Protein backbone atom coordinates (compact mmCIF):
# COMPACT_ATOMS: atom_id res chain seq x y z
CA UNK A 1 -27.48 3.94 4.18
CA UNK A 2 -27.09 0.94 6.87
CA UNK A 3 -25.28 -1.41 6.04
CA UNK A 4 -28.42 -3.83 5.94
CA UNK A 5 -29.88 -2.01 2.76
CA UNK A 6 -26.61 -1.84 1.53
CA UNK A 7 -25.94 -5.62 1.47
CA UNK A 8 -29.37 -6.75 0.59
CA UNK A 9 -29.76 -3.49 -2.66
CA UNK A 10 -26.22 -4.99 -3.34
CA UNK A 11 -27.00 -8.74 -3.19
CA UNK A 12 -28.14 -9.53 -7.15
CA UNK A 13 -25.48 -7.75 -8.74
CA UNK A 14 -22.72 -9.62 -5.94
CA UNK A 15 -23.90 -12.61 -7.21
CA UNK A 16 -23.83 -12.32 -10.42
CA UNK A 17 -19.98 -10.87 -10.48
CA UNK A 18 -18.48 -13.06 -7.92
CA UNK A 19 -15.18 -15.14 -9.06
CA UNK A 20 -14.04 -18.56 -7.62
CA UNK A 21 -11.82 -17.29 -5.03
CA UNK A 22 -8.18 -17.18 -5.21
CA UNK A 23 -6.05 -17.86 -1.82
CA UNK A 24 -5.00 -14.18 -0.98
CA UNK A 25 -4.21 -12.03 2.43
CA UNK A 26 -7.36 -10.10 3.82
CA UNK A 27 -5.44 -6.80 3.52
CA UNK A 28 -4.99 -8.23 -0.42
CA UNK A 29 -8.36 -8.64 -0.43
CA UNK A 30 -9.29 -5.35 0.91
CA UNK A 31 -7.29 -3.21 -1.34
CA UNK A 32 -8.30 -5.13 -4.18
CA UNK A 33 -12.39 -3.91 -2.75
CA UNK A 34 -10.47 -0.06 -1.88
CA UNK A 35 -9.26 -0.48 -5.92
CA UNK A 36 -12.06 -1.32 -7.02
CA UNK A 37 -14.02 1.52 -5.48
CA UNK A 38 -11.15 4.48 -6.38
CA UNK A 39 -11.79 2.94 -10.36
CA UNK A 40 -15.61 3.22 -9.90
CA UNK A 41 -15.05 7.12 -9.09
CA UNK A 42 -14.99 7.23 -5.58
CA UNK A 43 -11.39 8.39 -4.69
CA UNK A 44 -12.16 8.80 -0.68
CA UNK A 45 -14.47 6.23 0.37
CA UNK A 46 -16.19 5.30 3.88
CA UNK A 47 -15.16 2.56 6.11
CA UNK A 48 -18.47 0.82 5.68
CA UNK A 49 -18.55 1.41 1.38
CA UNK A 50 -15.00 -0.75 1.87
CA UNK A 51 -16.85 -3.58 4.33
CA UNK A 52 -19.65 -3.60 1.19
CA UNK A 53 -17.07 -3.89 -1.77
CA UNK A 54 -14.44 -6.22 0.48
CA UNK A 55 -18.18 -8.42 1.27
CA UNK A 56 -18.96 -8.53 -2.07
CA UNK A 57 -15.96 -9.90 -2.82
CA UNK A 58 -15.58 -12.47 -0.40
CA UNK A 59 -18.85 -13.32 1.50
CA UNK A 60 -17.65 -16.89 2.90
CA UNK A 61 -14.65 -14.29 4.35
CA UNK A 62 -15.70 -11.01 5.04
CA UNK A 63 -19.37 -11.84 5.71
CA UNK A 64 -21.17 -12.26 9.79
CA UNK A 65 -21.09 -15.55 11.23
CA UNK A 66 -23.87 -18.19 9.95
CA UNK A 67 -25.57 -14.96 7.63
CA UNK A 68 -22.34 -15.18 5.07
CA UNK A 69 -24.67 -14.19 2.05
CA UNK A 70 -26.59 -11.86 3.56
CA UNK A 71 -24.77 -9.41 5.85
CA UNK A 72 -21.07 -7.82 5.93
CA UNK A 73 -18.86 -8.23 8.76
CA UNK A 74 -17.84 -4.73 9.38
CA UNK A 75 -15.69 -5.53 12.31
CA UNK A 76 -13.67 -8.35 10.43
CA UNK A 77 -12.46 -5.98 8.04
CA UNK A 78 -11.73 -2.99 10.42
CA UNK A 79 -9.52 -5.42 12.40
CA UNK A 80 -7.42 -5.81 9.25
CA UNK A 81 -7.23 -1.87 9.26
CA UNK A 82 -7.46 -0.78 13.01
CA UNK A 83 -4.58 -3.36 14.39
CA UNK A 84 -1.82 -1.21 14.38
CA UNK A 85 0.88 -4.16 15.32
CA UNK A 86 -0.34 -5.87 11.81
CA UNK A 87 2.47 -6.15 9.61
CA UNK A 88 -0.30 -6.72 6.78
CA UNK A 89 -2.06 -3.58 7.73
CA UNK A 90 -3.09 -2.21 4.65
CA UNK A 91 -2.18 1.38 6.15
CA UNK A 92 0.85 0.52 7.67
CA UNK A 93 2.13 -1.02 4.29
CA UNK A 94 0.98 2.25 2.42
CA UNK A 95 -1.47 1.34 0.86
CA UNK A 96 -4.19 3.36 2.38
CA UNK A 97 -4.57 6.52 4.02
CA UNK A 98 -7.09 8.12 6.45
CA UNK A 99 -8.32 11.03 4.82
CA UNK A 100 -10.55 12.06 7.46
CA UNK A 101 -12.64 9.88 10.45
CA UNK A 102 -13.81 7.29 9.10
CA UNK A 103 -12.91 7.73 5.59
CA UNK A 104 -10.14 6.58 3.49
CA UNK A 105 -8.08 7.08 0.21
CA UNK A 106 -5.72 4.29 -1.67
CA UNK A 107 -2.34 5.58 -2.59
CA UNK A 108 -0.42 5.35 -5.63
CA UNK A 109 1.27 2.49 -4.48
CA UNK A 110 -1.88 1.07 -3.18
CA UNK A 111 -2.98 1.27 -6.95
CA UNK A 112 0.23 -0.55 -7.90
CA UNK A 113 -0.07 -3.03 -5.63
CA UNK A 114 -3.69 -3.80 -6.57
CA UNK A 115 -2.65 -4.31 -10.05
CA UNK A 116 -0.11 -6.17 -9.84
CA UNK A 117 -2.20 -8.75 -7.82
CA UNK A 118 -4.76 -8.37 -10.42
CA UNK A 119 -2.00 -9.05 -13.54
CA UNK A 120 -0.71 -11.97 -11.29
CA UNK A 121 -4.54 -13.20 -11.01
CA UNK A 122 -5.56 -13.39 -14.75
CA UNK A 123 -8.27 -10.36 -13.83
CA UNK A 124 -6.74 -6.94 -15.07
CA UNK A 125 -8.77 -3.66 -14.81
CA UNK A 126 -6.56 -1.95 -16.35
CA UNK A 127 -3.43 -2.89 -18.98
CA UNK A 128 -0.29 -3.51 -17.82
CA UNK A 129 0.94 -0.98 -20.59
CA UNK A 130 -0.90 1.83 -18.33
CA UNK A 131 2.29 2.71 -15.48
CA UNK A 132 0.56 5.91 -14.15
CA UNK A 133 -0.06 4.36 -10.42
CA UNK A 134 3.29 2.69 -10.85
CA UNK A 135 4.93 5.57 -11.93
CA UNK A 136 2.98 7.73 -9.27
CA UNK A 137 4.58 4.92 -6.33
CA UNK A 138 8.18 5.30 -7.26
CA UNK A 139 8.14 8.80 -8.47
CA UNK A 140 8.32 11.25 -5.12
CA UNK A 141 11.43 8.91 -4.45
CA UNK A 142 12.99 9.15 -7.84
CA UNK A 143 12.19 13.01 -7.67
CA UNK A 144 13.83 13.52 -3.56
CA UNK A 145 16.69 15.61 -3.24
CA UNK A 146 18.95 13.09 -1.52
CA UNK A 147 18.59 9.89 -4.80
CA UNK A 148 19.64 13.05 -6.87
CA UNK A 149 22.50 13.52 -4.27
CA UNK A 150 23.24 10.42 -4.42
CA UNK A 151 22.93 9.38 -7.91
CA UNK A 152 25.96 12.01 -8.17
CA UNK A 153 28.04 10.87 -5.17
CA UNK A 154 26.84 7.43 -3.43
CA UNK A 155 28.72 8.95 -0.11
CA UNK A 156 25.31 10.74 0.30
CA UNK A 157 23.84 11.19 2.55
CA UNK A 158 25.78 11.89 4.94
CA UNK A 159 23.67 12.54 8.13
CA UNK A 160 20.97 10.64 9.54
CA UNK A 161 18.55 13.92 8.67
CA UNK A 162 18.51 13.81 5.42
CA UNK A 163 18.52 9.58 5.60
CA UNK A 164 14.78 10.25 7.46
CA UNK A 165 13.55 12.71 4.90
CA UNK A 166 14.33 10.97 2.26
CA UNK A 167 12.05 7.39 3.55
CA UNK A 168 9.67 9.90 5.14
CA UNK A 169 10.69 9.06 9.11
CA UNK A 170 8.84 11.95 10.97
CA UNK A 171 8.95 10.11 14.60
CA UNK A 172 10.92 8.23 16.11
CA UNK A 173 8.66 5.25 16.24
CA UNK A 174 9.90 1.52 15.50
CA UNK A 175 6.63 0.59 13.16
CA UNK A 176 7.01 4.16 11.90
CA UNK A 177 10.06 2.98 10.79
CA UNK A 178 9.83 -0.28 9.09
CA UNK A 179 6.46 1.20 7.87
CA UNK A 180 8.43 3.98 5.63
CA UNK A 181 11.38 1.22 5.03
CA UNK A 182 8.75 -0.82 3.53
CA UNK A 183 6.73 1.51 1.60
CA UNK A 184 9.98 2.95 -0.04
CA UNK A 185 11.19 -1.16 -1.31
CA UNK A 186 7.76 -2.03 -2.42
CA UNK A 187 7.73 0.93 -4.53
CA UNK A 188 11.18 -0.19 -6.14
CA UNK A 189 9.87 -3.52 -6.77
CA UNK A 190 6.91 -3.19 -8.25
CA UNK A 191 8.36 -0.62 -10.37
CA UNK A 192 10.85 -3.14 -11.74
CA UNK A 193 8.23 -5.70 -11.73
CA UNK A 194 6.22 -3.45 -14.64
CA UNK A 195 9.73 -3.20 -16.49
CA UNK A 196 9.72 -6.99 -16.64
CA UNK A 197 6.10 -7.35 -17.15
CA UNK A 198 5.84 -4.64 -19.77
CA UNK A 199 9.18 -5.17 -22.05
CA UNK A 200 10.00 -1.86 -21.78
CA UNK A 201 13.26 -0.01 -20.23
CA UNK A 202 11.74 3.13 -18.65
CA UNK A 203 8.09 4.08 -17.05
CA UNK A 204 6.27 7.65 -18.11
CA UNK A 205 3.00 8.99 -16.39
CA UNK A 206 0.16 7.92 -18.29
CA UNK A 207 -0.56 6.95 -21.80
CA UNK A 208 0.50 10.12 -23.08
CA UNK A 209 3.50 9.84 -21.55
CA UNK A 210 3.51 12.89 -19.44
CA UNK A 211 5.64 13.35 -16.58
CA UNK A 212 9.97 13.02 -16.76
CA UNK A 213 10.58 9.31 -17.39
CA UNK A 214 11.98 6.73 -15.08
CA UNK A 215 14.66 4.52 -16.21
CA UNK A 216 15.51 0.84 -15.24
CA UNK A 217 18.61 2.02 -13.93
CA UNK A 218 17.34 4.87 -11.90
CA UNK A 219 15.26 1.78 -10.16
CA UNK A 220 17.72 -0.48 -9.48
CA UNK A 221 20.33 2.82 -7.77
CA UNK A 222 17.29 3.13 -5.71
CA UNK A 223 16.94 -0.04 -4.44
CA UNK A 224 20.63 0.40 -3.97
CA UNK A 225 20.23 3.13 -2.10
CA UNK A 226 17.29 2.37 0.24
CA UNK A 227 19.68 -0.46 1.07
CA UNK A 228 22.88 1.44 2.01
CA UNK A 229 20.33 3.90 4.56
CA UNK A 230 19.94 0.33 6.45
CA UNK A 231 23.69 -0.41 6.51
CA UNK A 232 24.95 3.27 6.54
CA UNK A 233 22.53 4.34 9.14
CA UNK A 234 22.16 0.59 11.58
CA UNK A 235 23.19 2.74 14.55
CA UNK A 236 19.98 5.14 14.48
CA UNK A 237 17.84 2.56 13.21
CA UNK A 238 18.80 0.20 16.00
CA UNK A 239 18.47 2.71 18.63
CA UNK A 240 14.60 3.59 17.34
CA UNK A 241 13.62 0.11 17.77
CA UNK A 242 15.16 -0.02 21.08
CA UNK A 243 13.59 3.29 22.56
CA UNK A 244 10.43 2.10 21.54
CA UNK A 245 10.44 -1.33 22.58
CA UNK A 246 11.89 0.34 26.33
CA UNK A 247 9.07 2.52 25.73
CA UNK A 248 6.48 -0.42 26.10
CA UNK A 249 7.64 -2.10 28.43
CA UNK A 250 7.36 0.98 30.44
CA UNK A 251 3.97 1.34 29.81
CA UNK A 252 1.35 -0.19 32.34
CA UNK A 253 -0.41 -2.92 31.24
CA UNK A 254 -4.00 -3.37 32.21
CA UNK A 255 -4.30 -6.60 34.43
């Protein structure tokens, strides 16, 4: 459906539900729009779905200049997602994943982050006691063999291969390295914050409590492991950063 049709059809409903804007980054607004689509049943959505949902949240920021109340600015939204060097890029932060051309999905980390933002604003769509998304965001790290080995022997992992496997590093690229470290750190921080806010000492998946319990002690150990990897394998990480910088300098510049 064309953006103009989507805009016109949602105008009245949008005016009813918009609330005073809270000071958020553009990436956070886009994340909250994607999370809303997900809760509405669209686990995979198009970039146009995302544009309209984001505009619905904040037309002044994401509307076409001079026509903010009538038309969404698709380019404005996609600039935040397509800008590979943007630190706040929702994909780089691990909030979104691209499922196919022009289509995206909010990750478990993204859903957990959106819930945190909504709790801060007092507009949470889910109860803080529901830790499913937080659990799903951190569980891959806690269940990883490297974390289990580290819990038994702090000298693990002994090789860069093990560290890279744990962090999900698949290529020698500085931005990719930074993004994977940030994703791991964010998952641990969000999970610890959830425990503090909920007054619980462990997270289980979903209301029914399925899955293996993740304790606060596990999350604290996870944070220590991440910092240990950054120190222990600093030489390897610096080599990746230097290699990426050298490659960038060798790339021909457009005149």
